[in-house]
């Protein structure tokens, strides 16, 4: 993510640096190290992000879950969002190690606005979030 947006981790609002006692490096968790990262833009998952399919949705968080977007990836965090027109959409937020270190955490019932790329993963429509309020 940092390479893609050309920023350092300490430039991201709300970022909490890893603790010294973390047993894996962030690079391994992002880039396909020992635990199967593959969250980088040039990975098969990252290449699914498509600028021509950017959408904005509004709704309420129905659930927050850890998951693996693809079988060879490190765990991520997703939220299920029920939109104002009564659709439920899966939104991928990012790698769990990064999302869970943010100062702001989502909870069920929160109103959100999501901007992201609507893509198909394993035959299901999902939004790969680029911004969430």
N, C-alpha and C. Protein backbone atom coordinates (compact mmCIF):
# COMPACT_ATOMS: atom_id res chain seq x y z
N UNK A 1 0.82 -1.18 0.00
CA UNK A 1 0.00 0.00 0.00
C UNK A 1 0.87 1.25 0.00
N UNK A 2 1.91 1.26 0.83
CA UNK A 2 2.74 2.45 0.91
C UNK A 2 3.47 2.70 -0.39
N UNK A 3 3.98 1.63 -1.01
CA UNK A 3 4.67 1.77 -2.28
C UNK A 3 3.72 2.30 -3.34
N UNK A 4 2.52 1.76 -3.39
CA UNK A 4 1.53 2.16 -4.38
C UNK A 4 1.20 3.65 -4.28
N UNK A 5 1.05 4.16 -3.05
CA UNK A 5 0.67 5.56 -2.86
C UNK A 5 1.87 6.47 -2.59
N UNK A 6 3.08 5.91 -2.63
CA UNK A 6 4.31 6.66 -2.43
C UNK A 6 4.30 7.46 -1.14
N UNK A 7 3.95 6.80 -0.03
CA UNK A 7 3.99 7.43 1.29
C UNK A 7 4.71 6.52 2.27
N UNK A 8 5.22 7.11 3.33
CA UNK A 8 5.81 6.34 4.41
C UNK A 8 4.71 5.99 5.40
N UNK A 9 4.85 4.88 6.14
CA UNK A 9 3.81 4.51 7.11
C UNK A 9 3.51 5.60 8.12
N UNK A 10 4.53 6.38 8.53
CA UNK A 10 4.30 7.42 9.53
C UNK A 10 3.55 8.63 8.96
N UNK A 11 3.31 8.67 7.65
CA UNK A 11 2.56 9.75 7.04
C UNK A 11 1.06 9.45 6.97
N UNK A 12 0.66 8.25 7.34
CA UNK A 12 -0.74 7.85 7.24
C UNK A 12 -1.43 8.16 8.56
N UNK A 13 -2.52 8.94 8.51
CA UNK A 13 -3.24 9.32 9.71
C UNK A 13 -3.76 8.07 10.43
N UNK A 14 -3.52 8.03 11.71
CA UNK A 14 -4.04 6.93 12.50
C UNK A 14 -3.15 5.70 12.51
N UNK A 15 -2.06 5.72 11.76
CA UNK A 15 -1.18 4.55 11.72
C UNK A 15 -0.47 4.38 13.04
N UNK A 16 -0.46 3.17 13.54
CA UNK A 16 0.28 2.83 14.75
C UNK A 16 1.38 1.88 14.34
N UNK A 17 2.66 2.28 14.53
CA UNK A 17 3.75 1.42 14.07
C UNK A 17 3.73 0.07 14.78
N UNK A 18 4.31 -0.96 14.15
CA UNK A 18 4.34 -2.28 14.77
C UNK A 18 5.16 -2.25 16.05
N UNK A 19 4.79 -3.11 16.97
CA UNK A 19 5.52 -3.25 18.23
C UNK A 19 6.79 -4.05 17.97
N UNK A 20 7.79 -3.85 18.81
CA UNK A 20 9.04 -4.60 18.66
C UNK A 20 8.84 -6.09 18.84
N UNK A 21 7.79 -6.48 19.58
CA UNK A 21 7.58 -7.89 19.83
C UNK A 21 6.79 -8.60 18.73
N UNK A 22 6.44 -7.87 17.65
CA UNK A 22 5.77 -8.54 16.54
C UNK A 22 6.71 -9.59 15.97
N UNK A 23 6.17 -10.78 15.71
CA UNK A 23 7.02 -11.87 15.27
C UNK A 23 7.18 -11.93 13.76
N UNK A 24 6.49 -11.06 13.03
CA UNK A 24 6.65 -11.03 11.58
C UNK A 24 6.79 -9.59 11.14
N UNK A 25 7.48 -9.38 10.05
CA UNK A 25 7.63 -8.03 9.53
C UNK A 25 6.40 -7.67 8.71
N UNK A 26 6.10 -6.38 8.63
CA UNK A 26 4.97 -5.93 7.80
C UNK A 26 5.20 -6.28 6.35
N UNK A 27 6.46 -6.26 5.91
CA UNK A 27 6.74 -6.61 4.52
C UNK A 27 6.29 -8.03 4.23
N UNK A 28 6.57 -8.96 5.14
CA UNK A 28 6.13 -10.34 4.94
C UNK A 28 4.62 -10.42 4.87
N UNK A 29 3.94 -9.67 5.70
CA UNK A 29 2.48 -9.73 5.75
C UNK A 29 1.85 -9.07 4.54
N UNK A 30 2.52 -8.10 3.95
CA UNK A 30 2.00 -7.45 2.75
C UNK A 30 2.36 -8.20 1.49
N UNK A 31 3.62 -8.62 1.41
CA UNK A 31 4.13 -9.05 0.13
C UNK A 31 4.25 -10.53 -0.11
N UNK A 32 3.69 -11.36 0.72
CA UNK A 32 3.72 -12.77 0.42
C UNK A 32 4.88 -13.49 1.06
N UNK A 33 5.29 -13.05 2.25
CA UNK A 33 6.36 -13.72 2.96
C UNK A 33 5.89 -15.06 3.48
N UNK A 34 6.47 -15.51 4.57
CA UNK A 34 6.21 -16.83 5.10
C UNK A 34 4.75 -17.13 5.37
N UNK A 35 3.94 -16.13 5.71
CA UNK A 35 2.54 -16.40 6.04
C UNK A 35 1.60 -16.14 4.86
N UNK A 36 2.14 -15.84 3.69
CA UNK A 36 1.30 -15.62 2.52
C UNK A 36 0.63 -14.28 2.52
N UNK A 37 1.38 -13.22 2.30
CA UNK A 37 0.84 -11.86 2.33
C UNK A 37 0.03 -11.54 1.09
N UNK A 38 0.71 -11.09 0.05
CA UNK A 38 0.12 -10.80 -1.25
C UNK A 38 -0.92 -9.69 -1.25
N UNK A 39 -0.75 -8.68 -0.39
CA UNK A 39 -1.62 -7.51 -0.40
C UNK A 39 -1.04 -6.39 -1.27
N UNK A 40 0.09 -6.61 -1.93
CA UNK A 40 0.72 -5.56 -2.72
C UNK A 40 -0.04 -5.32 -4.03
N UNK A 41 0.10 -4.10 -4.60
CA UNK A 41 -0.63 -3.77 -5.83
C UNK A 41 -0.34 -4.69 -7.01
N UNK A 42 0.88 -5.25 -7.08
CA UNK A 42 1.21 -6.10 -8.23
C UNK A 42 0.87 -7.57 -7.99
N UNK A 43 0.24 -7.89 -6.87
CA UNK A 43 -0.18 -9.28 -6.61
C UNK A 43 -1.44 -9.58 -7.42
N UNK A 44 -1.81 -10.85 -7.55
CA UNK A 44 -3.06 -11.17 -8.26
C UNK A 44 -4.27 -10.46 -7.64
N UNK A 45 -4.30 -10.35 -6.32
CA UNK A 45 -5.40 -9.63 -5.66
C UNK A 45 -5.34 -8.13 -5.98
N UNK A 46 -4.17 -7.54 -5.80
CA UNK A 46 -4.02 -6.10 -6.04
C UNK A 46 -4.33 -5.70 -7.47
N UNK A 47 -4.03 -6.58 -8.41
CA UNK A 47 -4.29 -6.27 -9.82
C UNK A 47 -5.77 -6.27 -10.15
N UNK A 48 -6.61 -6.78 -9.26
CA UNK A 48 -8.05 -6.73 -9.50
C UNK A 48 -8.61 -5.32 -9.34
N UNK A 49 -7.93 -4.48 -8.55
CA UNK A 49 -8.39 -3.11 -8.35
C UNK A 49 -8.41 -2.41 -9.70
N UNK A 50 -9.56 -1.81 -10.04
CA UNK A 50 -9.77 -1.26 -11.38
C UNK A 50 -10.31 0.16 -11.25
N UNK A 51 -9.54 1.14 -11.70
CA UNK A 51 -9.97 2.54 -11.60
C UNK A 51 -11.27 2.81 -12.35
N UNK A 52 -11.56 2.03 -13.38
CA UNK A 52 -12.78 2.29 -14.16
C UNK A 52 -14.03 1.75 -13.46
N UNK A 53 -13.85 1.03 -12.33
CA UNK A 53 -15.03 0.51 -11.63
C UNK A 53 -15.20 1.13 -10.24
N UNK A 54 -14.67 2.33 -10.06
CA UNK A 54 -14.77 3.03 -8.77
C UNK A 54 -16.23 3.42 -8.53
N UNK A 55 -16.69 3.13 -7.31
CA UNK A 55 -18.05 3.46 -6.90
C UNK A 55 -18.04 4.05 -5.51
N UNK A 56 -19.11 4.77 -5.17
CA UNK A 56 -19.32 5.24 -3.81
C UNK A 56 -20.62 4.63 -3.32
N UNK A 57 -20.56 4.03 -2.11
CA UNK A 57 -21.79 3.51 -1.50
C UNK A 57 -21.92 4.12 -0.11
N UNK A 58 -23.15 4.17 0.36
CA UNK A 58 -23.44 4.62 1.72
C UNK A 58 -24.33 3.56 2.37
N UNK A 59 -24.13 3.36 3.66
CA UNK A 59 -24.95 2.40 4.36
C UNK A 59 -24.51 2.22 5.79
N UNK A 60 -24.94 1.10 6.38
CA UNK A 60 -24.61 0.77 7.77
C UNK A 60 -23.83 -0.53 7.82
N UNK A 61 -22.86 -0.57 8.71
CA UNK A 61 -22.06 -1.77 8.91
C UNK A 61 -22.93 -2.83 9.57
N UNK A 62 -23.03 -3.98 8.92
CA UNK A 62 -23.79 -5.11 9.46
C UNK A 62 -22.90 -6.06 10.25
N UNK A 63 -21.65 -6.24 9.78
CA UNK A 63 -20.71 -7.11 10.49
C UNK A 63 -19.29 -6.76 10.07
N UNK A 64 -18.35 -7.12 10.94
CA UNK A 64 -16.92 -6.95 10.70
C UNK A 64 -16.30 -8.32 10.90
N UNK A 65 -15.46 -8.73 9.93
CA UNK A 65 -14.90 -10.08 9.98
C UNK A 65 -13.45 -10.09 9.51
N UNK A 66 -12.70 -11.03 10.05
CA UNK A 66 -11.39 -11.37 9.48
C UNK A 66 -11.64 -12.41 8.39
N UNK A 67 -10.83 -12.38 7.35
CA UNK A 67 -11.03 -13.33 6.24
C UNK A 67 -9.77 -13.37 5.40
N UNK A 68 -9.75 -14.28 4.44
CA UNK A 68 -8.67 -14.34 3.44
C UNK A 68 -9.31 -14.12 2.07
N UNK A 69 -8.98 -13.00 1.41
CA UNK A 69 -9.59 -12.72 0.11
C UNK A 69 -9.29 -13.77 -0.94
N UNK A 70 -8.08 -14.32 -0.90
CA UNK A 70 -7.66 -15.37 -1.81
C UNK A 70 -6.87 -16.37 -0.96
N UNK A 71 -6.81 -17.60 -1.41
CA UNK A 71 -6.27 -18.68 -0.57
C UNK A 71 -4.82 -18.45 -0.14
N UNK A 72 -4.02 -17.75 -0.92
CA UNK A 72 -2.60 -17.59 -0.57
C UNK A 72 -2.31 -16.29 0.16
N UNK A 73 -3.33 -15.63 0.71
CA UNK A 73 -3.15 -14.32 1.31
C UNK A 73 -3.20 -14.35 2.84
N UNK A 74 -2.52 -13.38 3.45
CA UNK A 74 -2.63 -13.16 4.89
C UNK A 74 -4.04 -12.65 5.18
N UNK A 75 -4.46 -12.79 6.43
CA UNK A 75 -5.81 -12.36 6.81
C UNK A 75 -6.01 -10.87 6.60
N UNK A 76 -7.24 -10.55 6.21
CA UNK A 76 -7.65 -9.17 6.06
C UNK A 76 -8.89 -8.91 6.90
N UNK A 77 -9.40 -7.69 6.79
CA UNK A 77 -10.64 -7.31 7.46
C UNK A 77 -11.63 -6.86 6.40
N UNK A 78 -12.86 -7.36 6.54
CA UNK A 78 -13.93 -6.94 5.65
C UNK A 78 -15.12 -6.52 6.50
N UNK A 79 -15.94 -5.65 5.91
CA UNK A 79 -17.20 -5.29 6.55
C UNK A 79 -18.31 -5.57 5.55
N UNK A 80 -19.43 -5.99 6.08
CA UNK A 80 -20.62 -6.16 5.26
C UNK A 80 -21.44 -4.89 5.48
N UNK A 81 -21.76 -4.20 4.39
CA UNK A 81 -22.47 -2.93 4.46
C UNK A 81 -23.85 -3.08 3.83
N UNK A 82 -24.88 -2.73 4.59
CA UNK A 82 -26.24 -2.72 4.06
C UNK A 82 -26.51 -1.31 3.57
N UNK A 83 -26.70 -1.18 2.25
CA UNK A 83 -26.86 0.13 1.64
C UNK A 83 -28.26 0.69 1.86
N UNK A 84 -28.41 1.97 1.54
CA UNK A 84 -29.69 2.64 1.69
C UNK A 84 -30.78 2.00 0.83
N UNK A 85 -30.37 1.34 -0.28
CA UNK A 85 -31.36 0.67 -1.13
C UNK A 85 -31.49 -0.82 -0.79
N UNK A 86 -31.07 -1.19 0.43
CA UNK A 86 -31.30 -2.52 1.00
C UNK A 86 -30.45 -3.64 0.39
N UNK A 87 -29.35 -3.32 -0.25
CA UNK A 87 -28.41 -4.34 -0.72
C UNK A 87 -27.34 -4.54 0.34
N UNK A 88 -26.81 -5.74 0.46
CA UNK A 88 -25.67 -5.99 1.35
C UNK A 88 -24.45 -6.22 0.48
N UNK A 89 -23.41 -5.42 0.72
CA UNK A 89 -22.20 -5.45 -0.10
C UNK A 89 -20.99 -5.74 0.79
N UNK A 90 -20.15 -6.66 0.33
CA UNK A 90 -18.90 -7.00 1.02
C UNK A 90 -17.85 -5.95 0.65
N UNK A 91 -17.22 -5.36 1.67
CA UNK A 91 -16.20 -4.34 1.45
C UNK A 91 -14.89 -4.81 2.09
N UNK A 92 -13.84 -4.92 1.27
CA UNK A 92 -12.53 -5.32 1.75
C UNK A 92 -11.77 -4.07 2.19
N UNK A 93 -11.35 -4.03 3.46
CA UNK A 93 -10.66 -2.86 4.00
C UNK A 93 -9.15 -2.93 3.84
N UNK A 94 -8.55 -4.11 4.04
CA UNK A 94 -7.11 -4.23 3.93
C UNK A 94 -6.59 -5.32 4.85
N UNK A 95 -5.23 -5.43 4.93
CA UNK A 95 -4.64 -6.47 5.78
C UNK A 95 -5.01 -6.24 7.26
N UNK A 96 -5.29 -7.33 7.96
CA UNK A 96 -5.72 -7.24 9.36
C UNK A 96 -4.69 -6.52 10.22
N UNK A 97 -3.39 -6.80 10.01
CA UNK A 97 -2.36 -6.17 10.85
C UNK A 97 -2.43 -4.65 10.73
N UNK A 98 -2.81 -4.13 9.58
CA UNK A 98 -2.87 -2.68 9.38
C UNK A 98 -4.19 -2.12 9.92
N UNK A 99 -5.30 -2.71 9.54
CA UNK A 99 -6.62 -2.20 9.93
C UNK A 99 -6.78 -2.22 11.45
N UNK A 100 -6.33 -3.28 12.09
CA UNK A 100 -6.52 -3.41 13.53
C UNK A 100 -5.62 -2.50 14.35
N UNK A 101 -4.66 -1.83 13.71
CA UNK A 101 -3.79 -0.87 14.41
C UNK A 101 -4.28 0.57 14.25
N UNK A 102 -5.36 0.77 13.54
CA UNK A 102 -5.87 2.13 13.34
C UNK A 102 -6.56 2.63 14.60
N UNK A 103 -6.51 3.94 14.81
CA UNK A 103 -7.16 4.54 15.97
C UNK A 103 -8.68 4.43 15.84
N UNK A 104 -9.19 4.55 14.64
CA UNK A 104 -10.63 4.47 14.39
C UNK A 104 -10.98 3.03 14.06
N UNK A 105 -11.93 2.45 14.76
CA UNK A 105 -12.38 1.09 14.49
C UNK A 105 -13.87 1.12 14.19
N UNK A 106 -14.30 0.29 13.27
CA UNK A 106 -15.72 0.20 12.92
C UNK A 106 -16.43 -0.74 13.86
N UNK A 107 -17.72 -0.48 14.06
CA UNK A 107 -18.56 -1.40 14.83
C UNK A 107 -19.90 -1.52 14.13
N UNK A 108 -20.60 -2.59 14.45
CA UNK A 108 -21.91 -2.82 13.83
C UNK A 108 -22.82 -1.63 14.08
N UNK A 109 -23.54 -1.23 13.03
CA UNK A 109 -24.46 -0.12 13.12
C UNK A 109 -23.88 1.21 12.69
N UNK A 110 -22.55 1.31 12.56
CA UNK A 110 -21.93 2.56 12.11
C UNK A 110 -22.40 2.91 10.71
N UNK A 111 -22.69 4.19 10.49
CA UNK A 111 -22.96 4.67 9.14
C UNK A 111 -21.63 4.90 8.45
N UNK A 112 -21.52 4.44 7.21
CA UNK A 112 -20.27 4.58 6.46
C UNK A 112 -20.54 5.06 5.04
N UNK A 113 -19.52 5.69 4.49
CA UNK A 113 -19.48 6.00 3.06
C UNK A 113 -18.18 5.38 2.56
N UNK A 114 -18.28 4.56 1.53
CA UNK A 114 -17.13 3.81 1.01
C UNK A 114 -16.90 4.20 -0.44
N UNK A 115 -15.66 4.49 -0.76
CA UNK A 115 -15.24 4.66 -2.15
C UNK A 115 -14.28 3.53 -2.44
N UNK A 116 -14.51 2.82 -3.53
CA UNK A 116 -13.63 1.72 -3.88
C UNK A 116 -13.97 1.12 -5.22
N UNK A 117 -13.18 0.14 -5.59
CA UNK A 117 -13.33 -0.53 -6.88
C UNK A 117 -14.23 -1.75 -6.71
N UNK A 118 -15.32 -1.77 -7.48
CA UNK A 118 -16.23 -2.92 -7.46
C UNK A 118 -15.68 -3.96 -8.42
N UNK A 119 -15.35 -5.15 -7.87
CA UNK A 119 -14.73 -6.23 -8.66
C UNK A 119 -15.41 -7.55 -8.32
N UNK A 120 -15.02 -8.58 -9.03
CA UNK A 120 -15.48 -9.95 -8.75
C UNK A 120 -14.31 -10.73 -8.16
N UNK A 121 -14.55 -11.38 -7.03
CA UNK A 121 -13.56 -12.28 -6.44
C UNK A 121 -14.29 -13.58 -6.13
N UNK A 122 -13.78 -14.65 -6.70
CA UNK A 122 -14.43 -15.96 -6.55
C UNK A 122 -15.90 -15.90 -6.97
N UNK A 123 -16.18 -15.13 -8.01
CA UNK A 123 -17.54 -15.04 -8.54
C UNK A 123 -18.49 -14.17 -7.74
N UNK A 124 -17.99 -13.49 -6.69
CA UNK A 124 -18.85 -12.63 -5.88
C UNK A 124 -18.45 -11.17 -6.07
N UNK A 125 -19.44 -10.27 -6.11
CA UNK A 125 -19.09 -8.84 -6.18
C UNK A 125 -18.62 -8.34 -4.82
N UNK A 126 -17.51 -7.61 -4.84
CA UNK A 126 -16.99 -6.98 -3.64
C UNK A 126 -16.48 -5.59 -4.00
N UNK A 127 -16.32 -4.77 -2.98
CA UNK A 127 -15.69 -3.48 -3.17
C UNK A 127 -14.35 -3.49 -2.45
N UNK A 128 -13.29 -3.21 -3.18
CA UNK A 128 -11.96 -3.07 -2.59
C UNK A 128 -11.86 -1.59 -2.20
N UNK A 129 -11.97 -1.32 -0.92
CA UNK A 129 -12.06 0.06 -0.44
C UNK A 129 -10.76 0.84 -0.64
N UNK A 130 -10.91 2.09 -1.07
CA UNK A 130 -9.78 3.00 -1.09
C UNK A 130 -9.98 4.10 -0.05
N UNK A 131 -11.23 4.42 0.28
CA UNK A 131 -11.54 5.40 1.31
C UNK A 131 -12.81 4.95 2.03
N UNK A 132 -12.81 5.12 3.36
CA UNK A 132 -14.00 4.81 4.15
C UNK A 132 -14.17 5.89 5.20
N UNK A 133 -15.38 6.44 5.27
CA UNK A 133 -15.72 7.42 6.31
C UNK A 133 -16.80 6.86 7.17
